[in-house]
Amino acid sequence: MVTREPIETQADVLAVVRGYEARWIIEELHMGMKTECPTEQRQLKTVQALQNFLAFATVVAWQMLCLRDAARRPEPVRADRVLTPLQMTVLCGLRPRLKADCLAAEALRAIAVMGGFVGRKSDGNPGWRTLWAGFEKLLMAERGFLVARERFG
């Protein structure tokens, strides 16, 4: 490995290795954002609008990345460790077969199905496009839930 970082001790080596290990998760975050959040196509007029959009898109992409990674872990992770309580309530309302204590893998698949994922045995894992589409629907339903609760109690 080649680096520009100073390496004089074993701790320096470990710090550089940790930095390179973190690079892959950052690359995946950017891949998630670039796949379904093409900034260029948004045609935002001001720097402020672009910054606001990127702040929102980064948070959404990060949450989807966390859910995807939790779903792929060898040890089961509950979905409510990644999704908010309100997101879990809305997701279970939209997907009635899904239980409130479901695993991240089950929630991920339910969100992907909402985004158009068919889920045949040969399909493999859902990709960023179906995750974005499904998560966007979940966020819209969550917003609708909040508006209805505010308006009708």
C-alpha atoms as a PDB file:
ATOM      1  CA  MET A   1       0.000   0.000   0.000  1.00  0.00           C
ATOM      2  CA  VAL A   2       1.264   3.455  -0.850  1.00  0.00           C
ATOM      3  CA  THR A   3       0.350   6.418   1.318  1.00  0.00           C
ATOM      4  CA  ARG A   4       1.369   9.993   1.882  1.00  0.00           C
ATOM      5  CA  GLU A   5       0.685   9.694   5.591  1.00  0.00           C
ATOM      6  CA  PRO A   6       3.700   9.575   7.909  1.00  0.00           C
ATOM      7  CA  ILE A   7       4.340   6.068   9.201  1.00  0.00           C
ATOM      8  CA  GLU A   8       6.761   5.810  12.057  1.00  0.00           C
ATOM      9  CA  THR A   9       5.007   3.502  14.496  1.00  0.00           C
ATOM     10  CA  GLN A  10       2.668   0.538  14.473  1.00  0.00           C
ATOM     11  CA  ALA A  11      -0.119   2.881  15.585  1.00  0.00           C
ATOM     12  CA  ASP A  12       0.522   5.018  12.477  1.00  0.00           C
ATOM     13  CA  VAL A  13       0.182   1.935  10.277  1.00  0.00           C
ATOM     14  CA  LEU A  14      -3.098   0.960  11.951  1.00  0.00           C
ATOM     15  CA  ALA A  15      -4.456   4.492  11.552  1.00  0.00           C
ATOM     16  CA  VAL A  16      -3.717   4.443   7.812  1.00  0.00           C
ATOM     17  CA  VAL A  17      -5.285   0.989   7.418  1.00  0.00           C
ATOM     18  CA  ARG A  18      -8.434   2.098   9.283  1.00  0.00           C
ATOM     19  CA  GLY A  19      -8.664   5.102   6.995  1.00  0.00           C
ATOM     20  CA  TYR A  20      -8.502   2.914   3.902  1.00  0.00           C
ATOM     21  CA  GLU A  21     -11.063   0.503   5.373  1.00  0.00           C
ATOM     22  CA  ALA A  22     -13.478   3.406   5.882  1.00  0.00           C
ATOM     23  CA  ARG A  23     -13.066   4.370   2.236  1.00  0.00           C
ATOM     24  CA  TRP A  24     -15.280   1.499   1.050  1.00  0.00           C
ATOM     25  CA  ILE A  25     -18.260   2.489   3.154  1.00  0.00           C
ATOM     26  CA  ILE A  26     -17.902   6.051   1.873  1.00  0.00           C
ATOM     27  CA  GLU A  27     -17.769   4.731  -1.709  1.00  0.00           C
ATOM     28  CA  GLU A  28     -20.980   2.769  -1.104  1.00  0.00           C
ATOM     29  CA  LEU A  29     -22.673   5.878   0.303  1.00  0.00           C
ATOM     30  CA  HIS A  30     -21.681   7.845  -2.790  1.00  0.00           C
ATOM     31  CA  MET A  31     -22.838   4.999  -5.035  1.00  0.00           C
ATOM     32  CA  GLY A  32     -26.214   5.062  -3.335  1.00  0.00           C
ATOM     33  CA  MET A  33     -26.493   8.799  -3.820  1.00  0.00           C
ATOM     34  CA  LYS A  34     -25.318   8.777  -7.437  1.00  0.00           C
ATOM     35  CA  THR A  35     -27.598   5.904  -8.440  1.00  0.00           C
ATOM     36  CA  GLU A  36     -30.933   7.538  -7.699  1.00  0.00           C
ATOM     37  CA  CYS A  37     -30.053  11.052  -6.630  1.00  0.00           C
ATOM     38  CA  PRO A  38     -28.434  12.479  -9.734  1.00  0.00           C
ATOM     39  CA  THR A  39     -27.629  15.967  -8.537  1.00  0.00           C
ATOM     40  CA  GLU A  40     -27.041  17.267 -12.065  1.00  0.00           C
ATOM     41  CA  GLN A  41     -30.593  16.381 -13.110  1.00  0.00           C
ATOM     42  CA  ARG A  42     -32.124  18.288 -10.208  1.00  0.00           C
ATOM     43  CA  GLN A  43     -31.337  21.602 -11.931  1.00  0.00           C
ATOM     44  CA  LEU A  44     -31.174  23.460  -8.657  1.00  0.00           C
ATOM     45  CA  LYS A  45     -30.713  27.187  -9.126  1.00  0.00           C
ATOM     46  CA  THR A  46     -28.780  28.205  -6.024  1.00  0.00           C
ATOM     47  CA  VAL A  47     -25.935  26.907  -3.929  1.00  0.00           C
ATOM     48  CA  GLN A  48     -28.258  26.943  -0.908  1.00  0.00           C
ATOM     49  CA  ALA A  49     -30.791  24.733  -2.702  1.00  0.00           C
ATOM     50  CA  LEU A  50     -28.034  22.302  -3.703  1.00  0.00           C
ATOM     51  CA  GLN A  51     -26.688  22.195  -0.139  1.00  0.00           C
ATOM     52  CA  ASN A  52     -30.173  21.542   1.256  1.00  0.00           C
ATOM     53  CA  PHE A  53     -30.758  18.765  -1.251  1.00  0.00           C
ATOM     54  CA  LEU A  54     -27.385  17.130  -0.545  1.00  0.00           C
ATOM     55  CA  ALA A  55     -27.973  17.312   3.208  1.00  0.00           C
ATOM     56  CA  PHE A  56     -31.297  15.511   2.834  1.00  0.00           C
ATOM     57  CA  ALA A  57     -30.027  12.992   0.267  1.00  0.00           C
ATOM     58  CA  THR A  58     -26.993  12.123   2.387  1.00  0.00           C
ATOM     59  CA  VAL A  59     -29.130  11.339   5.427  1.00  0.00           C
ATOM     60  CA  VAL A  60     -31.489   9.147   3.391  1.00  0.00           C
ATOM     61  CA  ALA A  61     -28.631   7.343   1.631  1.00  0.00           C
ATOM     62  CA  TRP A  62     -26.885   6.786   4.964  1.00  0.00           C
ATOM     63  CA  GLN A  63     -30.004   5.290   6.531  1.00  0.00           C
ATOM     64  CA  MET A  64     -30.509   2.977   3.543  1.00  0.00           C
ATOM     65  CA  LEU A  65     -26.840   1.956   3.680  1.00  0.00           C
ATOM     66  CA  CYS A  66     -27.183   1.181   7.396  1.00  0.00           C
ATOM     67  CA  LEU A  67     -30.306  -0.891   6.738  1.00  0.00           C
ATOM     68  CA  ARG A  68     -28.656  -2.737   3.851  1.00  0.00           C
ATOM     69  CA  ASP A  69     -25.568  -3.497   5.916  1.00  0.00           C
ATOM     70  CA  ALA A  70     -27.652  -4.611   8.905  1.00  0.00           C
ATOM     71  CA  ALA A  71     -29.613  -6.914   6.599  1.00  0.00           C
ATOM     72  CA  ARG A  72     -26.392  -8.505   5.331  1.00  0.00           C
ATOM     73  CA  ARG A  73     -24.798  -9.168   8.708  1.00  0.00           C
ATOM     74  CA  PRO A  74     -24.321 -12.817   9.612  1.00  0.00           C
ATOM     75  CA  GLU A  75     -25.993 -12.278  12.991  1.00  0.00           C
ATOM     76  CA  PRO A  76     -29.646 -11.145  12.810  1.00  0.00           C
ATOM     77  CA  VAL A  77     -30.284  -7.452  13.463  1.00  0.00           C
ATOM     78  CA  ARG A  78     -33.743  -6.136  14.249  1.00  0.00           C
ATOM     79  CA  ALA A  79     -35.052  -3.522  11.833  1.00  0.00           C
ATOM     80  CA  ASP A  80     -35.983  -1.161  14.664  1.00  0.00           C
ATOM     81  CA  ARG A  81     -32.249  -0.761  15.343  1.00  0.00           C
ATOM     82  CA  VAL A  82     -31.976   1.057  12.005  1.00  0.00           C
ATOM     83  CA  LEU A  83     -35.428   2.449  11.215  1.00  0.00           C
ATOM     84  CA  THR A  84     -37.204   4.949  13.445  1.00  0.00           C
ATOM     85  CA  PRO A  85     -40.236   3.826  15.467  1.00  0.00           C
ATOM     86  CA  LEU A  86     -42.514   5.831  13.165  1.00  0.00           C
ATOM     87  CA  GLN A  87     -40.926   4.310  10.058  1.00  0.00           C
ATOM     88  CA  MET A  88     -41.499   0.858  11.545  1.00  0.00           C
ATOM     89  CA  THR A  89     -45.146   1.681  12.284  1.00  0.00           C
ATOM     90  CA  VAL A  90     -45.740   2.987   8.768  1.00  0.00           C
ATOM     91  CA  LEU A  91     -43.832   0.136   7.114  1.00  0.00           C
ATOM     92  CA  CYS A  92     -45.822  -2.462   9.044  1.00  0.00           C
ATOM     93  CA  GLY A  93     -49.020  -0.607   8.097  1.00  0.00           C
ATOM     94  CA  LEU A  94     -48.070  -0.684   4.422  1.00  0.00           C
ATOM     95  CA  ARG A  95     -46.858  -4.295   4.561  1.00  0.00           C
ATOM     96  CA  PRO A  96     -49.323  -5.994   6.966  1.00  0.00           C
ATOM     97  CA  ARG A  97     -47.511  -9.348   6.922  1.00  0.00           C
ATOM     98  CA  LEU A  98     -44.414  -7.690   8.341  1.00  0.00           C
ATOM     99  CA  LYS A  99     -44.159  -7.964  12.122  1.00  0.00           C
ATOM    100  CA  ALA A 100     -43.126  -5.053  14.342  1.00  0.00           C
ATOM    101  CA  ASP A 101     -40.138  -7.047  15.617  1.00  0.00           C
ATOM    102  CA  CYS A 102     -38.962  -8.071  12.135  1.00  0.00           C
ATOM    103  CA  LEU A 103     -35.335  -8.355  11.138  1.00  0.00           C
ATOM    104  CA  ALA A 104     -33.488  -5.769   9.050  1.00  0.00           C
ATOM    105  CA  ALA A 105     -33.350  -8.227   6.127  1.00  0.00           C
ATOM    106  CA  GLU A 106     -37.152  -8.545   6.162  1.00  0.00           C
ATOM    107  CA  ALA A 107     -37.664  -4.782   6.350  1.00  0.00           C
ATOM    108  CA  LEU A 108     -35.142  -4.206   3.573  1.00  0.00           C
ATOM    109  CA  ARG A 109     -36.938  -6.680   1.344  1.00  0.00           C
ATOM    110  CA  ALA A 110     -40.339  -5.114   2.128  1.00  0.00           C
ATOM    111  CA  ILE A 111     -38.991  -1.657   1.245  1.00  0.00           C
ATOM    112  CA  ALA A 112     -37.410  -3.003  -1.955  1.00  0.00           C
ATOM    113  CA  VAL A 113     -40.715  -4.643  -2.949  1.00  0.00           C
ATOM    114  CA  MET A 114     -42.428  -1.258  -2.533  1.00  0.00           C
ATOM    115  CA  GLY A 115     -39.813   0.042  -4.984  1.00  0.00           C
ATOM    116  CA  GLY A 116     -40.529  -2.606  -7.597  1.00  0.00           C
ATOM    117  CA  PHE A 117     -38.275  -5.466  -6.506  1.00  0.00           C
ATOM    118  CA  VAL A 118     -39.863  -8.743  -7.570  1.00  0.00           C
ATOM    119  CA  GLY A 119     -37.878 -10.946  -5.222  1.00  0.00           C
ATOM    120  CA  ARG A 120     -37.659 -14.158  -7.216  1.00  0.00           C
ATOM    121  CA  LYS A 121     -35.135 -16.726  -6.009  1.00  0.00           C
ATOM    122  CA  SER A 122     -32.796 -15.887  -8.886  1.00  0.00           C
ATOM    123  CA  ASP A 123     -33.012 -12.103  -8.383  1.00  0.00           C
ATOM    124  CA  GLY A 124     -30.340 -11.791  -5.713  1.00  0.00           C
ATOM    125  CA  ASN A 125     -30.291  -8.802  -3.369  1.00  0.00           C
ATOM    126  CA  PRO A 126     -32.197  -5.625  -4.215  1.00  0.00           C
ATOM    127  CA  GLY A 127     -30.141  -2.827  -5.729  1.00  0.00           C
ATOM    128  CA  TRP A 128     -29.934   0.856  -4.968  1.00  0.00           C
ATOM    129  CA  ARG A 129     -32.662   1.814  -7.478  1.00  0.00           C
ATOM    130  CA  THR A 130     -35.366  -0.349  -5.948  1.00  0.00           C
ATOM    131  CA  LEU A 131     -34.253   0.600  -2.437  1.00  0.00           C
ATOM    132  CA  TRP A 132     -34.452   4.325  -3.265  1.00  0.00           C
ATOM    133  CA  ALA A 133     -37.861   3.932  -4.879  1.00  0.00           C
ATOM    134  CA  GLY A 134     -39.229   1.940  -1.945  1.00  0.00           C
ATOM    135  CA  PHE A 135     -37.658   4.152   0.696  1.00  0.00           C
ATOM    136  CA  GLU A 136     -39.054   7.234  -1.030  1.00  0.00           C
ATOM    137  CA  LYS A 137     -42.525   5.685  -0.764  1.00  0.00           C
ATOM    138  CA  LEU A 138     -41.924   4.903   2.895  1.00  0.00           C
ATOM    139  CA  LEU A 139     -40.847   8.497   3.580  1.00  0.00           C
ATOM    140  CA  MET A 140     -43.887   9.878   1.723  1.00  0.00           C
ATOM    141  CA  ALA A 141     -46.197   7.576   3.687  1.00  0.00           C
ATOM    142  CA  GLU A 142     -44.476   8.645   6.896  1.00  0.00           C
ATOM    143  CA  ARG A 143     -45.070  12.295   6.005  1.00  0.00           C
ATOM    144  CA  GLY A 144     -48.703  11.542   5.185  1.00  0.00           C
ATOM    145  CA  PHE A 145     -49.094   9.801   8.534  1.00  0.00           C
ATOM    146  CA  LEU A 146     -47.701  12.850  10.343  1.00  0.00           C
ATOM    147  CA  VAL A 147     -49.947  15.256   8.437  1.00  0.00           C
ATOM    148  CA  ALA A 148     -53.031  13.112   9.146  1.00  0.00           C
ATOM    149  CA  ARG A 149     -52.137  12.811  12.827  1.00  0.00           C
ATOM    150  CA  GLU A 150     -51.629  16.574  13.111  1.00  0.00           C
ATOM    151  CA  ARG A 151     -54.834  17.393  11.263  1.00  0.00           C
ATOM    152  CA  PHE A 152     -57.141  14.753  12.709  1.00  0.00           C
ATOM    153  CA  GLY A 153     -55.487  13.970  16.026  1.00  0.00           C
END
